[in-house]
Every structure is written in C-alpha cells, then in structure tokens.
Amino acid sequence: MAKKMNPRFKVWIEKEGEVVFAEGRRLLLETVGELGSLNAAAGKLGMSYRAAWGKIKATEQRLGIKLLESNVGGRGGGGARLTKEAKDLLRRYNRYKTRVKTCVDKEYKAIFRNKTS
C-alpha cells in the first residue's frame, strides 16, 4: 500500500543575506519563554549556551531590537524573559508561517491533485 505524500517547506527571514529569524530561533525563544532561562532553554534544545546566546545577539543586532531581558545570577539564580518585541516577533513569524503553509498546501493540491497516493 502506497503512503500518502505531503508537502514540506522551510521558512526563514534574512537581512542582507544573513539569517535574522528561522525555526531554530523561534524554538529557542519559545523555550526561553517557557523555562525562564536562556541556559535552560539551550540545554533542553541540545545546544551550548554560547551558541544560543550568539543566535539571540545576532537577531537582536540585525533587527535593532532587544529580545531578552536578563537577570544576573545570584542567590535565586539568573533568568531571562521575553521582551514585548520578542513576543511580537514570535506572533508575527508564527502567523507568517501559517499563511505560507496554507499557500503551500493549496498549491500542492492544485498541482498534484489525484496524481499521488
């Protein structure tokens, strides 16, 4: 029995040929929002703190906005929370990705119709 084919796609945003935002950065920010820590988010995602910090800083620089508000460690430990701008970026990116998926699915159906299983 043949398995049904489905379209797949990747979306990212660039500025002057450099990645500004993509799925990995989306997941990183959402995980920071969930865990309240860049270090914890990096660990959960299997990446180094340095790599995570670098991605956040690169996106901040390319967009000219701050994505995280950090608290320096101490007795209660450090932490990070998403800025209003980061939440807005996530909302817009997720909306954009949903719209792209709708277009991809529509075009796939129009072009491949009943030609595939």
PDB file of N, CA and C in Angstrom:
ATOM      1  N   MET A   1       0.841  -1.183   0.000  1.00  0.00           N
ATOM      2  CA  MET A   1       0.000   0.000   0.000  1.00  0.00           C
ATOM      3  C   MET A   1       0.887   1.248   0.000  1.00  0.00           C
ATOM      4  N   ALA A   2       0.646   2.119  -0.950  1.00  0.00           N
ATOM      5  CA  ALA A   2       1.449   3.333  -1.070  1.00  0.00           C
ATOM      6  C   ALA A   2       1.092   4.324   0.035  1.00  0.00           C
ATOM      7  N   LYS A   3       2.110   5.004   0.508  1.00  0.00           N
ATOM      8  CA  LYS A   3       1.883   6.006   1.543  1.00  0.00           C
ATOM      9  C   LYS A   3       1.611   7.357   0.897  1.00  0.00           C
ATOM     10  N   LYS A   4       0.766   8.130   1.553  1.00  0.00           N
ATOM     11  CA  LYS A   4       0.396   9.446   1.051  1.00  0.00           C
ATOM     12  C   LYS A   4       1.581  10.416   1.146  1.00  0.00           C
ATOM     13  N   MET A   5       1.768  11.186   0.082  1.00  0.00           N
ATOM     14  CA  MET A   5       2.820  12.200   0.076  1.00  0.00           C
ATOM     15  C   MET A   5       2.254  13.508   0.637  1.00  0.00           C
ATOM     16  N   ASN A   6       3.120  14.259   1.294  1.00  0.00           N
ATOM     17  CA  ASN A   6       2.739  15.555   1.839  1.00  0.00           C
ATOM     18  C   ASN A   6       3.826  16.570   1.532  1.00  0.00           C
ATOM     19  N   PRO A   7       3.428  17.811   1.268  1.00  0.00           N
ATOM     20  CA  PRO A   7       4.438  18.844   1.011  1.00  0.00           C
ATOM     21  C   PRO A   7       5.122  19.258   2.316  1.00  0.00           C
ATOM     22  N   ARG A   8       6.376  19.622   2.203  1.00  0.00           N
ATOM     23  CA  ARG A   8       7.153  20.152   3.330  1.00  0.00           C
ATOM     24  C   ARG A   8       7.867  21.405   2.841  1.00  0.00           C
ATOM     25  N   PHE A   9       8.162  22.308   3.764  1.00  0.00           N
ATOM     26  CA  PHE A   9       8.844  23.539   3.400  1.00  0.00           C
ATOM     27  C   PHE A   9       9.584  24.082   4.607  1.00  0.00           C
ATOM     28  N   LYS A  10      10.531  24.965   4.351  1.00  0.00           N
ATOM     29  CA  LYS A  10      11.250  25.666   5.397  1.00  0.00           C
ATOM     30  C   LYS A  10      11.128  27.155   5.120  1.00  0.00           C
ATOM     31  N   VAL A  11      10.963  27.905   6.193  1.00  0.00           N
ATOM     32  CA  VAL A  11      10.817  29.351   6.081  1.00  0.00           C
ATOM     33  C   VAL A  11      11.854  30.007   6.980  1.00  0.00           C
ATOM     34  N   TRP A  12      12.502  31.027   6.464  1.00  0.00           N
ATOM     35  CA  TRP A  12      13.382  31.828   7.299  1.00  0.00           C
ATOM     36  C   TRP A  12      13.388  33.234   6.742  1.00  0.00           C
ATOM     37  N   ILE A  13      13.833  34.155   7.573  1.00  0.00           N
ATOM     38  CA  ILE A  13      13.877  35.559   7.176  1.00  0.00           C
ATOM     39  C   ILE A  13      15.334  35.998   7.191  1.00  0.00           C
ATOM     40  N   GLU A  14      15.751  36.670   6.122  1.00  0.00           N
ATOM     41  CA  GLU A  14      17.126  37.152   6.001  1.00  0.00           C
ATOM     42  C   GLU A  14      17.144  38.665   5.877  1.00  0.00           C
ATOM     43  N   LYS A  15      18.286  39.222   6.230  1.00  0.00           N
ATOM     44  CA  LYS A  15      18.544  40.642   6.002  1.00  0.00           C
ATOM     45  C   LYS A  15      19.965  40.741   5.471  1.00  0.00           C
ATOM     46  N   GLU A  16      20.093  41.285   4.287  1.00  0.00           N
ATOM     47  CA  GLU A  16      21.394  41.418   3.640  1.00  0.00           C
ATOM     48  C   GLU A  16      22.140  40.084   3.593  1.00  0.00           C
ATOM     49  N   GLY A  17      21.406  39.019   3.279  1.00  0.00           N
ATOM     50  CA  GLY A  17      21.995  37.695   3.115  1.00  0.00           C
ATOM     51  C   GLY A  17      22.291  36.937   4.398  1.00  0.00           C
ATOM     52  N   GLU A  18      21.926  37.492   5.543  1.00  0.00           N
ATOM     53  CA  GLU A  18      22.176  36.816   6.817  1.00  0.00           C
ATOM     54  C   GLU A  18      20.852  36.462   7.487  1.00  0.00           C
ATOM     55  N   VAL A  19      20.807  35.284   8.105  1.00  0.00           N
ATOM     56  CA  VAL A  19      19.584  34.836   8.768  1.00  0.00           C
ATOM     57  C   VAL A  19      19.259  35.774   9.919  1.00  0.00           C
ATOM     58  N   VAL A  20      18.016  36.207   9.934  1.00  0.00           N
ATOM     59  CA  VAL A  20      17.509  37.026  11.025  1.00  0.00           C
ATOM     60  C   VAL A  20      16.671  36.156  11.947  1.00  0.00           C
ATOM     61  N   PHE A  21      15.799  35.330  11.341  1.00  0.00           N
ATOM     62  CA  PHE A  21      14.903  34.504  12.147  1.00  0.00           C
ATOM     63  C   PHE A  21      14.495  33.277  11.354  1.00  0.00           C
ATOM     64  N   ALA A  22      14.436  32.155  12.062  1.00  0.00           N
ATOM     65  CA  ALA A  22      14.048  30.884  11.455  1.00  0.00           C
ATOM     66  C   ALA A  22      13.525  29.971  12.556  1.00  0.00           C
ATOM     67  N   GLU A  23      13.224  28.744  12.209  1.00  0.00           N
ATOM     68  CA  GLU A  23      12.632  27.800  13.153  1.00  0.00           C
ATOM     69  C   GLU A  23      13.463  27.584  14.411  1.00  0.00           C
ATOM     70  N   GLY A  24      14.762  27.471  14.271  1.00  0.00           N
ATOM     71  CA  GLY A  24      15.600  27.238  15.441  1.00  0.00           C
ATOM     72  C   GLY A  24      15.540  28.391  16.421  1.00  0.00           C
ATOM     73  N   ARG A  25      15.532  29.590  15.913  1.00  0.00           N
ATOM     74  CA  ARG A  25      15.456  30.767  16.785  1.00  0.00           C
ATOM     75  C   ARG A  25      14.056  30.906  17.379  1.00  0.00           C
ATOM     76  N   ARG A  26      13.047  30.539  16.609  1.00  0.00           N
ATOM     77  CA  ARG A  26      11.676  30.537  17.137  1.00  0.00           C
ATOM     78  C   ARG A  26      11.586  29.580  18.321  1.00  0.00           C
ATOM     79  N   LEU A  27      12.079  28.367  18.118  1.00  0.00           N
ATOM     80  CA  LEU A  27      12.033  27.365  19.164  1.00  0.00           C
ATOM     81  C   LEU A  27      12.840  27.802  20.387  1.00  0.00           C
ATOM     82  N   LEU A  28      13.984  28.407  20.156  1.00  0.00           N
ATOM     83  CA  LEU A  28      14.823  28.893  21.251  1.00  0.00           C
ATOM     84  C   LEU A  28      14.073  29.951  22.072  1.00  0.00           C
ATOM     85  N   LEU A  29      13.487  30.938  21.403  1.00  0.00           N
ATOM     86  CA  LEU A  29      12.757  31.973  22.130  1.00  0.00           C
ATOM     87  C   LEU A  29      11.552  31.403  22.867  1.00  0.00           C
ATOM     88  N   GLU A  30      10.811  30.519  22.220  1.00  0.00           N
ATOM     89  CA  GLU A  30       9.649  29.928  22.890  1.00  0.00           C
ATOM     90  C   GLU A  30      10.068  29.113  24.114  1.00  0.00           C
ATOM     91  N   THR A  31      11.211  28.433  24.020  1.00  0.00           N
ATOM     92  CA  THR A  31      11.695  27.641  25.142  1.00  0.00           C
ATOM     93  C   THR A  31      12.197  28.534  26.274  1.00  0.00           C
ATOM     94  N   VAL A  32      12.833  29.648  25.938  1.00  0.00           N
ATOM     95  CA  VAL A  32      13.225  30.623  26.965  1.00  0.00           C
ATOM     96  C   VAL A  32      11.965  31.125  27.676  1.00  0.00           C
ATOM     97  N   GLY A  33      10.932  31.439  26.910  1.00  0.00           N
ATOM     98  CA  GLY A  33       9.678  31.895  27.491  1.00  0.00           C
ATOM     99  C   GLY A  33       9.068  30.870  28.429  1.00  0.00           C
ATOM    100  N   GLU A  34       9.192  29.609  28.059  1.00  0.00           N
ATOM    101  CA  GLU A  34       8.650  28.509  28.862  1.00  0.00           C
ATOM    102  C   GLU A  34       9.469  28.266  30.135  1.00  0.00           C
ATOM    103  N   LEU A  35      10.797  28.279  30.006  1.00  0.00           N
ATOM    104  CA  LEU A  35      11.676  27.913  31.118  1.00  0.00           C
ATOM    105  C   LEU A  35      12.215  29.102  31.913  1.00  0.00           C
ATOM    106  N   GLY A  36      12.157  30.293  31.345  1.00  0.00           N
ATOM    107  CA  GLY A  36      12.640  31.476  32.047  1.00  0.00           C
ATOM    108  C   GLY A  36      14.151  31.578  32.134  1.00  0.00           C
ATOM    109  N   SER A  37      14.849  30.883  31.225  1.00  0.00           N
ATOM    110  CA  SER A  37      16.313  30.888  31.257  1.00  0.00           C
ATOM    111  C   SER A  37      16.863  30.533  29.892  1.00  0.00           C
ATOM    112  N   LEU A  38      17.820  31.324  29.414  1.00  0.00           N
ATOM    113  CA  LEU A  38      18.487  31.008  28.152  1.00  0.00           C
ATOM    114  C   LEU A  38      19.332  29.750  28.310  1.00  0.00           C
ATOM    115  N   ASN A  39      20.009  29.611  29.420  1.00  0.00           N
ATOM    116  CA  ASN A  39      20.845  28.439  29.670  1.00  0.00           C
ATOM    117  C   ASN A  39      20.005  27.161  29.699  1.00  0.00           C
ATOM    118  N   ALA A  40      18.875  27.205  30.401  1.00  0.00           N
ATOM    119  CA  ALA A  40      17.991  26.032  30.471  1.00  0.00           C
ATOM    120  C   ALA A  40      17.415  25.703  29.096  1.00  0.00           C
ATOM    121  N   ALA A  41      17.043  26.741  28.349  1.00  0.00           N
ATOM    122  CA  ALA A  41      16.499  26.526  27.003  1.00  0.00           C
ATOM    123  C   ALA A  41      17.544  25.893  26.097  1.00  0.00           C
ATOM    124  N   ALA A  42      18.770  26.406  26.151  1.00  0.00           N
ATOM    125  CA  ALA A  42      19.848  25.845  25.334  1.00  0.00           C
ATOM    126  C   ALA A  42      20.061  24.377  25.685  1.00  0.00           C
ATOM    127  N   GLY A  43      20.092  24.077  26.974  1.00  0.00           N
ATOM    128  CA  GLY A  43      20.277  22.686  27.406  1.00  0.00           C
ATOM    129  C   GLY A  43      19.164  21.787  26.919  1.00  0.00           C
ATOM    130  N   LYS A  44      17.933  22.237  27.039  1.00  0.00           N
ATOM    131  CA  LYS A  44      16.782  21.432  26.593  1.00  0.00           C
ATOM    132  C   LYS A  44      16.850  21.164  25.091  1.00  0.00           C
ATOM    133  N   LEU A  45      17.368  22.131  24.346  1.00  0.00           N
ATOM    134  CA  LEU A  45      17.438  22.000  22.890  1.00  0.00           C
ATOM    135  C   LEU A  45      18.738  21.359  22.410  1.00  0.00           C
ATOM    136  N   GLY A  46      19.605  20.986  23.354  1.00  0.00           N
ATOM    137  CA  GLY A  46      20.847  20.307  22.988  1.00  0.00           C
ATOM    138  C   GLY A  46      21.880  21.211  22.342  1.00  0.00           C
ATOM    139  N   MET A  47      21.894  22.463  22.728  1.00  0.00           N
ATOM    140  CA  MET A  47      22.892  23.380  22.182  1.00  0.00           C
ATOM    141  C   MET A  47      23.639  24.046  23.327  1.00  0.00           C
ATOM    142  N   SER A  48      24.785  24.575  23.014  1.00  0.00           N
ATOM    143  CA  SER A  48      25.566  25.243  24.052  1.00  0.00           C
ATOM    144  C   SER A  48      24.945  26.608  24.357  1.00  0.00           C
ATOM    145  N   TYR A  49      25.206  27.091  25.558  1.00  0.00           N
ATOM    146  CA  TYR A  49      24.747  28.427  25.943  1.00  0.00           C
ATOM    147  C   TYR A  49      25.341  29.465  24.993  1.00  0.00           C
ATOM    148  N   ARG A  50      26.601  29.287  24.666  1.00  0.00           N
ATOM    149  CA  ARG A  50      27.289  30.237  23.784  1.00  0.00           C
ATOM    150  C   ARG A  50      26.621  30.320  22.409  1.00  0.00           C
ATOM    151  N   ALA A  51      26.250  29.154  21.852  1.00  0.00           N
ATOM    152  CA  ALA A  51      25.578  29.143  20.542  1.00  0.00           C
ATOM    153  C   ALA A  51      24.215  29.821  20.640  1.00  0.00           C
ATOM    154  N   ALA A  52      23.474  29.526  21.701  1.00  0.00           N
ATOM    155  CA  ALA A  52      22.148  30.126  21.894  1.00  0.00           C
ATOM    156  C   ALA A  52      22.274  31.637  22.047  1.00  0.00           C
ATOM    157  N   TRP A  53      23.210  32.071  22.878  1.00  0.00           N
ATOM    158  CA  TRP A  53      23.430  33.491  23.113  1.00  0.00           C
ATOM    159  C   TRP A  53      23.815  34.179  21.804  1.00  0.00           C
ATOM    160  N   GLY A  54      24.665  33.534  21.009  1.00  0.00           N
ATOM    161  CA  GLY A  54      25.093  34.094  19.729  1.00  0.00           C
ATOM    162  C   GLY A  54      23.933  34.291  18.768  1.00  0.00           C
ATOM    163  N   LYS A  55      23.025  33.333  18.726  1.00  0.00           N
ATOM    164  CA  LYS A  55      21.865  33.443  17.834  1.00  0.00           C
ATOM    165  C   LYS A  55      20.947  34.584  18.272  1.00  0.00           C
ATOM    166  N   ILE A  56      20.731  34.684  19.567  1.00  0.00           N
ATOM    167  CA  ILE A  56      19.884  35.757  20.086  1.00  0.00           C
ATOM    168  C   ILE A  56      20.522  37.116  19.782  1.00  0.00           C
ATOM    169  N   LYS A  57      21.812  37.251  20.073  1.00  0.00           N
ATOM    170  CA  LYS A  57      22.509  38.525  19.843  1.00  0.00           C
ATOM    171  C   LYS A  57      22.522  38.897  18.362  1.00  0.00           C
ATOM    172  N   ALA A  58      22.733  37.919  17.485  1.00  0.00           N
ATOM    173  CA  ALA A  58      22.749  38.195  16.039  1.00  0.00           C
ATOM    174  C   ALA A  58      21.383  38.701  15.580  1.00  0.00           C
ATOM    175  N   THR A  59      20.319  38.071  16.073  1.00  0.00           N
ATOM    176  CA  THR A  59      18.979  38.510  15.688  1.00  0.00           C
ATOM    177  C   THR A  59      18.692  39.894  16.239  1.00  0.00           C
ATOM    178  N   GLU A  60      19.079  40.141  17.487  1.00  0.00           N
ATOM    179  CA  GLU A  60      18.877  41.476  18.066  1.00  0.00           C
ATOM    180  C   GLU A  60      19.595  42.540  17.239  1.00  0.00           C
ATOM    181  N   GLN A  61      20.829  42.251  16.866  1.00  0.00           N
ATOM    182  CA  GLN A  61      21.624  43.210  16.101  1.00  0.00           C
ATOM    183  C   GLN A  61      21.011  43.463  14.727  1.00  0.00           C
ATOM    184  N   ARG A  62      20.595  42.404  14.050  1.00  0.00           N
ATOM    185  CA  ARG A  62      20.062  42.548  12.693  1.00  0.00           C
ATOM    186  C   ARG A  62      18.704  43.227  12.671  1.00  0.00           C
ATOM    187  N   LEU A  63      17.925  43.075  13.752  1.00  0.00           N
ATOM    188  CA  LEU A  63      16.607  43.702  13.811  1.00  0.00           C
ATOM    189  C   LEU A  63      16.617  45.039  14.544  1.00  0.00           C
ATOM    190  N   GLY A  64      17.659  45.274  15.318  1.00  0.00           N
ATOM    191  CA  GLY A  64      17.723  46.504  16.083  1.00  0.00           C
ATOM    192  C   GLY A  64      16.761  46.541  17.262  1.00  0.00           C
ATOM    193  N   ILE A  65      16.461  45.367  17.816  1.00  0.00           N
ATOM    194  CA  ILE A  65      15.574  45.282  18.981  1.00  0.00           C
ATOM    195  C   ILE A  65      16.185  44.347  20.021  1.00  0.00           C
ATOM    196  N   LYS A  66      15.715  44.453  21.232  1.00  0.00           N
ATOM    197  CA  LYS A  66      16.150  43.568  22.305  1.00  0.00           C
ATOM    198  C   LYS A  66      15.110  42.461  22.434  1.00  0.00           C
ATOM    199  N   LEU A  67      15.578  41.210  22.509  1.00  0.00           N
ATOM    200  CA  LEU A  67      14.672  40.066  22.595  1.00  0.00           C
ATOM    201  C   LEU A  67      14.506  39.519  24.010  1.00  0.00           C
ATOM    202  N   LEU A  68      15.553  39.637  24.815  1.00  0.00           N
ATOM    203  CA  LEU A  68      15.507  39.090  26.171  1.00  0.00           C
ATOM    204  C   LEU A  68      15.855  40.145  27.203  1.00  0.00           C
ATOM    205  N   GLU A  69      15.188  40.064  28.324  1.00  0.00           N
ATOM    206  CA  GLU A  69      15.559  40.836  29.499  1.00  0.00           C
ATOM    207  C   GLU A  69      16.149  39.829  30.466  1.00  0.00           C
ATOM    208  N   SER A  70      17.403  40.039  30.840  1.00  0.00           N
ATOM    209  CA  SER A  70      18.110  39.066  31.676  1.00  0.00           C
ATOM    210  C   SER A  70      18.268  39.571  33.093  1.00  0.00           C
ATOM    211  N   ASN A  71      18.229  38.608  34.015  1.00  0.00           N
ATOM    212  CA  ASN A  71      18.545  38.869  35.413  1.00  0.00           C
ATOM    213  C   ASN A  71      19.841  38.144  35.707  1.00  0.00           C
ATOM    214  N   VAL A  72      20.792  38.846  36.262  1.00  0.00           N
ATOM    215  CA  VAL A  72      22.080  38.245  36.584  1.00  0.00           C
ATOM    216  C   VAL A  72      21.890  37.261  37.730  1.00  0.00           C
ATOM    217  N   GLY A  73      22.636  36.148  37.663  1.00  0.00           N
ATOM    218  CA  GLY A  73      22.543  35.119  38.705  1.00  0.00           C
ATOM    219  C   GLY A  73      22.863  35.663  40.073  1.00  0.00           C
ATOM    220  N   GLY A  74      22.506  34.949  41.042  1.00  0.00           N
ATOM    221  CA  GLY A  74      22.729  35.332  42.432  1.00  0.00           C
ATOM    222  C   GLY A  74      22.104  34.273  43.300  1.00  0.00           C
ATOM    223  N   ARG A  75      21.668  34.665  44.442  1.00  0.00           N
ATOM    224  CA  ARG A  75      21.094  33.695  45.371  1.00  0.00           C
ATOM    225  C   ARG A  75      19.941  32.910  44.737  1.00  0.00           C
ATOM    226  N   GLY A  76      19.040  33.612  44.094  1.00  0.00           N
ATOM    227  CA  GLY A  76      17.906  32.947  43.453  1.00  0.00           C
ATOM    228  C   GLY A  76      18.201  32.478  42.044  1.00  0.00           C
ATOM    229  N   GLY A  77      19.399  32.725  41.560  1.00  0.00           N
ATOM    230  CA  GLY A  77      19.747  32.345  40.197  1.00  0.00           C
ATOM    231  C   GLY A  77      19.349  33.423  39.210  1.00  0.00           C
ATOM    232  N   GLY A  78      19.904  33.332  38.041  1.00  0.00           N
ATOM    233  CA  GLY A  78      19.595  34.301  36.993  1.00  0.00           C
ATOM    234  C   GLY A  78      18.351  33.880  36.251  1.00  0.00           C
ATOM    235  N   GLY A  79      18.118  34.498  35.165  1.00  0.00           N
ATOM    236  CA  GLY A  79      16.957  34.146  34.367  1.00  0.00           C
ATOM    237  C   GLY A  79      16.826  35.086  33.201  1.00  0.00           C
ATOM    238  N   ALA A  80      15.866  34.797  32.369  1.00  0.00           N
ATOM    239  CA  ALA A  80      15.599  35.640  31.208  1.00  0.00           C
ATOM    240  C   ALA A  80      14.122  35.562  30.884  1.00  0.00           C
ATOM    241  N   ARG A  81      13.607  36.662  30.386  1.00  0.00           N
ATOM    242  CA  ARG A  81      12.224  36.649  29.922  1.00  0.00           C
ATOM    243  C   ARG A  81      12.159  37.384  28.586  1.00  0.00           C
ATOM    244  N   LEU A  82      11.160  37.023  27.819  1.00  0.00           N
ATOM    245  CA  LEU A  82      10.992  37.626  26.501  1.00  0.00           C
ATOM    246  C   LEU A  82      10.514  39.066  26.631  1.00  0.00           C
ATOM    247  N   THR A  83      11.074  39.925  25.793  1.00  0.00           N
ATOM    248  CA  THR A  83      10.604  41.307  25.735  1.00  0.00           C
ATOM    249  C   THR A  83       9.296  41.344  24.946  1.00  0.00           C
ATOM    250  N   LYS A  84       8.654  42.485  25.020  1.00  0.00           N
ATOM    251  CA  LYS A  84       7.434  42.704  24.238  1.00  0.00           C
ATOM    252  C   LYS A  84       7.749  42.520  22.747  1.00  0.00           C
ATOM    253  N   GLU A  85       8.920  43.004  22.329  1.00  0.00           N
ATOM    254  CA  GLU A  85       9.321  42.893  20.918  1.00  0.00           C
ATOM    255  C   GLU A  85       9.532  41.434  20.509  1.00  0.00           C
ATOM    256  N   ALA A  86      10.076  40.624  21.411  1.00  0.00           N
ATOM    257  CA  ALA A  86      10.280  39.204  21.116  1.00  0.00           C
ATOM    258  C   ALA A  86       8.941  38.496  20.965  1.00  0.00           C
ATOM    259  N   LYS A  87       8.011  38.811  21.845  1.00  0.00           N
ATOM    260  CA  LYS A  87       6.672  38.199  21.764  1.00  0.00           C
ATOM    261  C   LYS A  87       5.985  38.591  20.466  1.00  0.00           C
ATOM    262  N   ASP A  88       6.161  39.851  20.063  1.00  0.00           N
ATOM    263  CA  ASP A  88       5.585  40.328  18.811  1.00  0.00           C
ATOM    264  C   ASP A  88       6.222  39.620  17.611  1.00  0.00           C
ATOM    265  N   LEU A  89       7.555  39.473  17.650  1.00  0.00           N
ATOM    266  CA  LEU A  89       8.261  38.778  16.583  1.00  0.00           C
ATOM    267  C   LEU A  89       7.756  37.340  16.461  1.00  0.00           C
ATOM    268  N   LEU A  90       7.617  36.644  17.587  1.00  0.00           N
ATOM    269  CA  LEU A  90       7.110  35.270  17.572  1.00  0.00           C
ATOM    270  C   LEU A  90       5.696  35.205  16.998  1.00  0.00           C
ATOM    271  N   ARG A  91       4.841  36.119  17.430  1.00  0.00           N
ATOM    272  CA  ARG A  91       3.464  36.135  16.944  1.00  0.00           C
ATOM    273  C   ARG A  91       3.424  36.344  15.432  1.00  0.00           C
ATOM    274  N   ARG A  92       4.210  37.309  14.949  1.00  0.00           N
ATOM    275  CA  ARG A  92       4.210  37.598  13.513  1.00  0.00           C
ATOM    276  C   ARG A  92       4.820  36.454  12.699  1.00  0.00           C
ATOM    277  N   TYR A  93       5.917  35.890  13.190  1.00  0.00           N
ATOM    278  CA  TYR A  93       6.564  34.797  12.478  1.00  0.00           C
ATOM    279  C   TYR A  93       5.628  33.586  12.398  1.00  0.00           C
ATOM    280  N   ASN A  94       4.977  33.262  13.506  1.00  0.00           N
ATOM    281  CA  ASN A  94       4.053  32.123  13.503  1.00  0.00           C
ATOM    282  C   ASN A  94       2.870  32.367  12.576  1.00  0.00           C
ATOM    283  N   ARG A  95       2.389  33.596  12.530  1.00  0.00           N
ATOM    284  CA  ARG A  95       1.302  33.954  11.608  1.00  0.00           C
ATOM    285  C   ARG A  95       1.772  33.827  10.161  1.00  0.00           C
ATOM    286  N   TYR A  96       2.961  34.334   9.892  1.00  0.00           N
ATOM    287  CA  TYR A  96       3.549  34.248   8.544  1.00  0.00           C
ATOM    288  C   TYR A  96       3.700  32.790   8.119  1.00  0.00           C
ATOM    289  N   LYS A  97       4.256  31.968   9.014  1.00  0.00           N
ATOM    290  CA  LYS A  97       4.465  30.552   8.696  1.00  0.00           C
ATOM    291  C   LYS A  97       3.136  29.836   8.434  1.00  0.00           C
ATOM    292  N   THR A  98       2.105  30.167   9.203  1.00  0.00           N
ATOM    293  CA  THR A  98       0.784  29.563   9.000  1.00  0.00           C
ATOM    294  C   THR A  98       0.224  29.931   7.629  1.00  0.00           C
ATOM    295  N   ARG A  99       0.394  31.188   7.249  1.00  0.00           N
ATOM    296  CA  ARG A  99      -0.087  31.621   5.929  1.00  0.00           C
ATOM    297  C   ARG A  99       0.695  30.954   4.794  1.00  0.00           C
ATOM    298  N   VAL A 100       1.994  30.832   4.964  1.00  0.00           N
ATOM    299  CA  VAL A 100       2.807  30.158   3.945  1.00  0.00           C
ATOM    300  C   VAL A 100       2.362  28.702   3.823  1.00  0.00           C
ATOM    301  N   LYS A 101       2.117  28.036   4.947  1.00  0.00           N
ATOM    302  CA  LYS A 101       1.674  26.642   4.925  1.00  0.00           C
ATOM    303  C   LYS A 101       0.349  26.508   4.177  1.00  0.00           C
ATOM    304  N   THR A 102      -0.559  27.447   4.408  1.00  0.00           N
ATOM    305  CA  THR A 102      -1.844  27.434   3.706  1.00  0.00           C
ATOM    306  C   THR A 102      -1.626  27.517   2.197  1.00  0.00           C
ATOM    307  N   CYS A 103      -0.743  28.414   1.769  1.00  0.00           N
ATOM    308  CA  CYS A 103      -0.436  28.559   0.332  1.00  0.00           C
ATOM    309  C   CYS A 103       0.232  27.310  -0.220  1.00  0.00           C
ATOM    310  N   VAL A 104       1.184  26.759   0.525  1.00  0.00           N
ATOM    311  CA  VAL A 104       1.892  25.551   0.073  1.00  0.00           C
ATOM    312  C   VAL A 104       0.895  24.403  -0.095  1.00  0.00           C
ATOM    313  N   ASP A 105       0.036  24.204   0.891  1.00  0.00           N
ATOM    314  CA  ASP A 105      -0.952  23.120   0.822  1.00  0.00           C
ATOM    315  C   ASP A 105      -1.901  23.303  -0.358  1.00  0.00           C
ATOM    316  N   LYS A 106      -2.360  24.536  -0.567  1.00  0.00           N
ATOM    317  CA  LYS A 106      -3.274  24.837  -1.674  1.00  0.00           C
ATOM    318  C   LYS A 106      -2.617  24.550  -3.018  1.00  0.00           C
ATOM    319  N   GLU A 107      -1.390  25.027  -3.200  1.00  0.00           N
ATOM    320  CA  GLU A 107      -0.686  24.818  -4.467  1.00  0.00           C
ATOM    321  C   GLU A 107      -0.354  23.339  -4.686  1.00  0.00           C
ATOM    322  N   TYR A 108       0.012  22.651  -3.637  1.00  0.00           N
ATOM    323  CA  TYR A 108       0.305  21.223  -3.743  1.00  0.00           C
ATOM    324  C   TYR A 108      -0.929  20.475  -4.245  1.00  0.00           C
ATOM    325  N   LYS A 109      -2.061  20.754  -3.632  1.00  0.00           N
ATOM    326  CA  LYS A 109      -3.307  20.092  -4.046  1.00  0.00           C
ATOM    327  C   LYS A 109      -3.666  20.432  -5.480  1.00  0.00           C
ATOM    328  N   ALA A 110      -3.482  21.693  -5.878  1.00  0.00           N
ATOM    329  CA  ALA A 110      -3.818  22.126  -7.234  1.00  0.00           C
ATOM    330  C   ALA A 110      -2.919  21.467  -8.276  1.00  0.00           C
ATOM    331  N   ILE A 111      -1.669  21.292  -7.952  1.00  0.00           N
ATOM    332  CA  ILE A 111      -0.718  20.759  -8.925  1.00  0.00           C
ATOM    333  C   ILE A 111      -0.701  19.233  -8.941  1.00  0.00           C
ATOM    334  N   PHE A 112      -0.778  18.604  -7.790  1.00  0.00           N
ATOM    335  CA  PHE A 112      -0.659  17.159  -7.719  1.00  0.00           C
ATOM    336  C   PHE A 112      -1.998  16.443  -7.649  1.00  0.00           C
ATOM    337  N   ARG A 113      -3.063  17.125  -7.350  1.00  0.00           N
ATOM    338  CA  ARG A 113      -4.418  16.565  -7.231  1.00  0.00           C
ATOM    339  C   ARG A 113      -4.417  15.091  -6.899  1.00  0.00           C
ATOM    340  N   ASN A 114      -4.909  14.296  -7.803  1.00  0.00           N
ATOM    341  CA  ASN A 114      -5.023  12.842  -7.585  1.00  0.00           C
ATOM    342  C   ASN A 114      -3.869  12.083  -8.224  1.00  0.00           C
ATOM    343  N   LYS A 115      -2.765  12.763  -8.469  1.00  0.00           N
ATOM    344  CA  LYS A 115      -1.636  12.131  -9.152  1.00  0.00           C
ATOM    345  C   LYS A 115      -0.754  11.345  -8.190  1.00  0.00           C
ATOM    346  N   THR A 116      -0.951  11.550  -6.898  1.00  0.00           N
ATOM    347  CA  THR A 116      -0.130  10.869  -5.894  1.00  0.00           C
ATOM    348  C   THR A 116      -1.033  10.152  -4.906  1.00  0.00           C
ATOM    349  N   SER A 117      -0.447   9.237  -4.234  1.00  0.00           N
ATOM    350  CA  SER A 117      -1.214   8.489  -3.216  1.00  0.00           C
ATOM    351  C   SER A 117      -1.354   9.308  -1.964  1.00  0.00           C
TER     352      SER A 117
END
